[in-house]
Amino acid sequence: MVTGTHIAYLYLCYRKLWLFAHGINMEQSSELVAEGKFIDEHSYPQRAARWQALEIEGIKIDHYDGRREIPLWEAEVQRIIGLEDCPALVKKDICRKCAYCEFCFSE
């Protein structure tokens, strides 16, 4: 089953999506994740009219554009998690704050 977390990771990092889908879960111990949840709960009282938070299986995706096709997202998630090997590391600015950072950059 594809959840909102899978779709969020699809647009964030294919590697993070693959690791999460294969049971390698680092989010529970991340202080940054806890901080992000707090900010989401106490910020953004008024979103732009064309954006909304999408909730799937209790997971929220901020700034969802209703014109997107969820079945296309689901198919792409299935394609990535079905890969035999974990996608290659792609260094992004966001990596420093990612719960998987130590996992991805350890030698």
N, C-alpha and C. Protein backbone atom coordinates (compact mmCIF):
# COMPACT_ATOMS: atom_id res chain seq x y z
N MET A 1 0.84 -1.17 0.00
CA MET A 1 0.00 0.00 0.00
C MET A 1 0.89 1.25 0.00
N VAL A 2 0.60 2.17 -0.88
CA VAL A 2 1.32 3.42 -0.96
C VAL A 2 0.68 4.42 0.00
N THR A 3 1.50 5.00 0.87
CA THR A 3 1.00 5.97 1.84
C THR A 3 1.48 7.38 1.48
N GLY A 4 1.02 8.34 2.21
CA GLY A 4 1.46 9.72 2.01
C GLY A 4 2.95 9.87 2.23
N THR A 5 3.52 9.10 3.15
CA THR A 5 4.96 9.16 3.38
C THR A 5 5.71 8.72 2.14
N HIS A 6 5.26 7.67 1.48
CA HIS A 6 5.91 7.22 0.24
C HIS A 6 5.89 8.33 -0.81
N ILE A 7 4.76 8.98 -0.95
CA ILE A 7 4.64 10.03 -1.97
C ILE A 7 5.51 11.23 -1.61
N ALA A 8 5.55 11.59 -0.34
CA ALA A 8 6.41 12.70 0.08
C ALA A 8 7.87 12.36 -0.22
N TYR A 9 8.30 11.15 0.08
CA TYR A 9 9.68 10.75 -0.17
C TYR A 9 9.98 10.65 -1.66
N LEU A 10 8.97 10.32 -2.46
CA LEU A 10 9.14 10.28 -3.91
C LEU A 10 9.67 11.61 -4.42
N TYR A 11 9.14 12.69 -3.90
CA TYR A 11 9.55 14.01 -4.36
C TYR A 11 10.74 14.57 -3.60
N LEU A 12 11.12 13.92 -2.53
CA LEU A 12 12.26 14.37 -1.75
C LEU A 12 13.54 13.64 -2.16
N CYS A 13 13.47 12.29 -2.18
CA CYS A 13 14.68 11.51 -2.43
C CYS A 13 14.30 10.05 -2.72
N TYR A 14 14.67 9.57 -3.90
CA TYR A 14 14.37 8.19 -4.27
C TYR A 14 15.03 7.20 -3.31
N ARG A 15 16.24 7.52 -2.88
CA ARG A 15 16.97 6.64 -1.97
C ARG A 15 16.23 6.52 -0.63
N LYS A 16 15.78 7.66 -0.11
CA LYS A 16 15.03 7.66 1.15
C LYS A 16 13.74 6.85 1.00
N LEU A 17 13.07 7.00 -0.13
CA LEU A 17 11.85 6.24 -0.41
C LEU A 17 12.14 4.74 -0.40
N TRP A 18 13.19 4.33 -1.11
CA TRP A 18 13.52 2.91 -1.21
C TRP A 18 13.88 2.35 0.16
N LEU A 19 14.72 3.07 0.91
CA LEU A 19 15.13 2.60 2.24
C LEU A 19 13.91 2.46 3.17
N PHE A 20 13.06 3.47 3.19
CA PHE A 20 11.86 3.45 4.03
C PHE A 20 10.96 2.26 3.65
N ALA A 21 10.75 2.06 2.36
CA ALA A 21 9.88 0.99 1.89
C ALA A 21 10.44 -0.40 2.20
N HIS A 22 11.76 -0.47 2.37
CA HIS A 22 12.40 -1.75 2.69
C HIS A 22 12.69 -1.90 4.18
N GLY A 23 11.99 -1.12 4.99
CA GLY A 23 12.03 -1.31 6.43
C GLY A 23 13.18 -0.64 7.16
N ILE A 24 13.94 0.19 6.47
CA ILE A 24 15.02 0.93 7.13
C ILE A 24 14.45 2.29 7.49
N ASN A 25 14.06 2.42 8.74
CA ASN A 25 13.30 3.58 9.20
C ASN A 25 14.10 4.37 10.21
N MET A 26 14.46 5.59 9.89
CA MET A 26 15.29 6.42 10.76
C MET A 26 14.53 7.60 11.35
N GLU A 27 13.31 7.82 10.94
CA GLU A 27 12.57 9.02 11.31
C GLU A 27 12.21 9.10 12.79
N GLN A 28 11.97 7.97 13.46
CA GLN A 28 11.50 8.00 14.84
C GLN A 28 12.46 8.70 15.79
N SER A 29 13.75 8.62 15.51
CA SER A 29 14.74 9.18 16.43
C SER A 29 15.24 10.55 16.02
N SER A 30 14.66 11.13 14.99
CA SER A 30 15.14 12.41 14.47
C SER A 30 14.50 13.60 15.19
N GLU A 31 15.35 14.43 15.79
CA GLU A 31 14.85 15.65 16.43
C GLU A 31 14.30 16.62 15.39
N LEU A 32 14.88 16.61 14.18
CA LEU A 32 14.40 17.49 13.12
C LEU A 32 13.00 17.12 12.66
N VAL A 33 12.69 15.83 12.64
CA VAL A 33 11.34 15.39 12.28
C VAL A 33 10.35 15.87 13.33
N ALA A 34 10.71 15.72 14.59
CA ALA A 34 9.83 16.19 15.68
C ALA A 34 9.61 17.70 15.59
N GLU A 35 10.68 18.42 15.29
CA GLU A 35 10.57 19.88 15.14
C GLU A 35 9.67 20.24 13.96
N GLY A 36 9.80 19.52 12.85
CA GLY A 36 8.97 19.76 11.68
C GLY A 36 7.50 19.53 11.96
N LYS A 37 7.20 18.49 12.72
CA LYS A 37 5.80 18.22 13.09
C LYS A 37 5.24 19.35 13.95
N PHE A 38 6.06 19.84 14.87
CA PHE A 38 5.63 20.95 15.73
C PHE A 38 5.34 22.19 14.89
N ILE A 39 6.25 22.50 13.98
CA ILE A 39 6.07 23.68 13.12
C ILE A 39 4.80 23.54 12.28
N ASP A 40 4.57 22.36 11.72
CA ASP A 40 3.38 22.14 10.90
C ASP A 40 2.10 22.33 11.70
N GLU A 41 2.11 21.87 12.94
CA GLU A 41 0.92 21.96 13.78
C GLU A 41 0.64 23.38 14.24
N HIS A 42 1.67 24.23 14.29
CA HIS A 42 1.51 25.58 14.84
C HIS A 42 1.74 26.70 13.83
N SER A 43 1.97 26.36 12.58
CA SER A 43 2.23 27.35 11.55
C SER A 43 1.26 27.16 10.38
N TYR A 44 1.45 27.95 9.37
CA TYR A 44 0.68 27.85 8.14
C TYR A 44 -0.83 27.90 8.36
N PRO A 45 -1.33 28.84 9.18
CA PRO A 45 -2.77 28.87 9.42
C PRO A 45 -3.57 29.20 8.15
N GLN A 46 -2.96 29.90 7.23
CA GLN A 46 -3.65 30.23 5.99
C GLN A 46 -2.77 29.86 4.81
N ARG A 47 -3.13 28.83 4.11
CA ARG A 47 -2.39 28.43 2.92
C ARG A 47 -2.97 29.15 1.72
N ALA A 48 -2.18 29.28 0.69
CA ALA A 48 -2.69 29.88 -0.55
C ALA A 48 -3.89 29.07 -1.03
N ALA A 49 -4.81 29.72 -1.70
CA ALA A 49 -6.06 29.08 -2.10
C ALA A 49 -5.86 27.84 -2.96
N ARG A 50 -4.83 27.82 -3.80
CA ARG A 50 -4.67 26.66 -4.70
C ARG A 50 -3.95 25.50 -4.04
N TRP A 51 -3.39 25.67 -2.85
CA TRP A 51 -2.66 24.63 -2.15
C TRP A 51 -3.46 24.12 -0.97
N GLN A 52 -3.27 22.89 -0.65
CA GLN A 52 -3.89 22.30 0.53
C GLN A 52 -3.00 21.17 1.03
N ALA A 53 -3.20 20.76 2.24
CA ALA A 53 -2.46 19.61 2.76
C ALA A 53 -3.25 18.37 2.38
N LEU A 54 -2.58 17.42 1.75
CA LEU A 54 -3.20 16.16 1.36
C LEU A 54 -2.95 15.15 2.47
N GLU A 55 -3.99 14.46 2.91
CA GLU A 55 -3.85 13.47 3.95
C GLU A 55 -4.21 12.10 3.39
N ILE A 56 -3.26 11.18 3.45
CA ILE A 56 -3.47 9.80 3.00
C ILE A 56 -3.02 8.91 4.14
N GLU A 57 -3.88 8.05 4.60
CA GLU A 57 -3.54 7.13 5.69
C GLU A 57 -2.95 7.89 6.88
N GLY A 58 -3.48 9.06 7.17
CA GLY A 58 -3.04 9.83 8.32
C GLY A 58 -1.74 10.58 8.14
N ILE A 59 -1.17 10.55 6.95
CA ILE A 59 0.08 11.25 6.65
C ILE A 59 -0.28 12.49 5.84
N LYS A 60 0.35 13.63 6.19
CA LYS A 60 0.07 14.87 5.47
C LYS A 60 1.18 15.21 4.50
N ILE A 61 0.79 15.69 3.33
CA ILE A 61 1.72 16.24 2.37
C ILE A 61 1.37 17.71 2.24
N ASP A 62 2.29 18.57 2.63
CA ASP A 62 2.04 20.00 2.55
C ASP A 62 2.03 20.47 1.10
N HIS A 63 1.26 21.46 0.85
CA HIS A 63 1.22 22.14 -0.45
C HIS A 63 0.88 21.21 -1.60
N TYR A 64 -0.10 20.39 -1.41
CA TYR A 64 -0.59 19.50 -2.47
C TYR A 64 -1.36 20.32 -3.49
N ASP A 65 -1.06 20.11 -4.76
CA ASP A 65 -1.77 20.78 -5.84
C ASP A 65 -2.80 19.79 -6.38
N GLY A 66 -4.07 20.08 -6.21
CA GLY A 66 -5.15 19.16 -6.56
C GLY A 66 -5.18 18.71 -8.00
N ARG A 67 -4.41 19.34 -8.87
CA ARG A 67 -4.41 18.94 -10.28
C ARG A 67 -3.52 17.73 -10.54
N ARG A 68 -2.72 17.35 -9.60
CA ARG A 68 -1.83 16.20 -9.77
C ARG A 68 -2.63 14.91 -9.78
N GLU A 69 -2.06 13.92 -10.40
CA GLU A 69 -2.73 12.62 -10.49
C GLU A 69 -2.11 11.63 -9.52
N ILE A 70 -2.85 11.28 -8.48
CA ILE A 70 -2.36 10.35 -7.47
C ILE A 70 -2.00 8.99 -8.07
N PRO A 71 -2.76 8.44 -9.01
CA PRO A 71 -2.35 7.14 -9.58
C PRO A 71 -0.96 7.16 -10.22
N LEU A 72 -0.57 8.29 -10.80
CA LEU A 72 0.77 8.40 -11.38
C LEU A 72 1.83 8.36 -10.29
N TRP A 73 1.54 9.02 -9.19
CA TRP A 73 2.46 9.00 -8.05
C TRP A 73 2.62 7.57 -7.55
N GLU A 74 1.49 6.89 -7.39
CA GLU A 74 1.52 5.52 -6.86
C GLU A 74 2.33 4.60 -7.77
N ALA A 75 2.17 4.74 -9.07
CA ALA A 75 2.92 3.91 -10.02
C ALA A 75 4.42 4.17 -9.92
N GLU A 76 4.81 5.44 -9.79
CA GLU A 76 6.23 5.77 -9.68
C GLU A 76 6.81 5.27 -8.37
N VAL A 77 6.05 5.36 -7.29
CA VAL A 77 6.51 4.81 -6.01
C VAL A 77 6.74 3.31 -6.15
N GLN A 78 5.78 2.60 -6.74
CA GLN A 78 5.91 1.15 -6.92
C GLN A 78 7.13 0.81 -7.77
N ARG A 79 7.39 1.60 -8.80
CA ARG A 79 8.55 1.35 -9.66
C ARG A 79 9.85 1.48 -8.85
N ILE A 80 9.96 2.53 -8.06
CA ILE A 80 11.19 2.76 -7.30
C ILE A 80 11.39 1.72 -6.21
N ILE A 81 10.33 1.42 -5.46
CA ILE A 81 10.52 0.45 -4.37
C ILE A 81 10.70 -0.97 -4.91
N GLY A 82 10.32 -1.19 -6.16
CA GLY A 82 10.51 -2.49 -6.79
C GLY A 82 11.91 -2.71 -7.34
N LEU A 83 12.73 -1.67 -7.33
CA LEU A 83 14.10 -1.82 -7.81
C LEU A 83 14.85 -2.82 -6.93
N GLU A 84 15.69 -3.63 -7.56
CA GLU A 84 16.45 -4.62 -6.80
C GLU A 84 17.46 -3.97 -5.87
N ASP A 85 18.10 -2.92 -6.33
CA ASP A 85 19.12 -2.23 -5.53
C ASP A 85 18.64 -0.85 -5.14
N CYS A 86 19.16 -0.37 -4.03
CA CYS A 86 18.85 0.97 -3.55
C CYS A 86 19.34 2.00 -4.57
N PRO A 87 18.54 3.00 -4.87
CA PRO A 87 18.99 4.05 -5.81
C PRO A 87 20.29 4.70 -5.31
N ALA A 88 21.08 5.16 -6.25
CA ALA A 88 22.36 5.79 -5.91
C ALA A 88 22.14 7.05 -5.09
N LEU A 89 23.14 7.36 -4.30
CA LEU A 89 23.12 8.57 -3.49
C LEU A 89 23.21 9.80 -4.39
N VAL A 90 22.30 10.73 -4.20
CA VAL A 90 22.34 12.02 -4.89
C VAL A 90 22.46 13.07 -3.81
N LYS A 91 23.60 13.74 -3.75
CA LYS A 91 23.82 14.74 -2.71
C LYS A 91 22.97 15.98 -2.98
N LYS A 92 22.17 16.34 -1.98
CA LYS A 92 21.31 17.52 -2.05
C LYS A 92 21.54 18.36 -0.81
N ASP A 93 21.18 19.62 -0.88
CA ASP A 93 21.32 20.50 0.28
C ASP A 93 20.57 19.96 1.49
N ILE A 94 19.45 19.32 1.24
CA ILE A 94 18.60 18.82 2.33
C ILE A 94 19.21 17.62 3.05
N CYS A 95 20.21 17.00 2.47
CA CYS A 95 20.82 15.81 3.07
C CYS A 95 21.33 16.06 4.49
N ARG A 96 21.88 17.24 4.74
CA ARG A 96 22.44 17.54 6.06
C ARG A 96 21.40 17.42 7.17
N LYS A 97 20.14 17.66 6.84
CA LYS A 97 19.08 17.65 7.84
C LYS A 97 18.23 16.39 7.79
N CYS A 98 18.59 15.46 6.95
CA CYS A 98 17.80 14.24 6.75
C CYS A 98 18.10 13.22 7.85
N ALA A 99 17.07 12.51 8.30
CA ALA A 99 17.23 11.47 9.31
C ALA A 99 18.12 10.33 8.81
N TYR A 100 18.24 10.17 7.50
CA TYR A 100 19.04 9.11 6.91
C TYR A 100 20.47 9.56 6.60
N CYS A 101 20.84 10.79 6.94
CA CYS A 101 22.15 11.34 6.58
C CYS A 101 23.30 10.45 7.01
N GLU A 102 23.35 10.07 8.27
CA GLU A 102 24.45 9.24 8.74
C GLU A 102 24.49 7.90 8.03
N PHE A 103 23.32 7.35 7.75
CA PHE A 103 23.25 6.07 7.04
C PHE A 103 23.82 6.22 5.63
N CYS A 104 23.43 7.25 4.92
CA CYS A 104 23.84 7.42 3.53
C CYS A 104 25.32 7.81 3.39
N PHE A 105 25.82 8.59 4.34
CA PHE A 105 27.17 9.11 4.20
C PHE A 105 28.21 8.40 5.05
N SER A 106 27.83 7.33 5.74
CA SER A 106 28.82 6.57 6.51
C SER A 106 29.65 5.73 5.56
N GLU A 107 30.87 5.48 5.96
CA GLU A 107 31.76 4.70 5.09
C GLU A 107 32.10 3.37 5.69
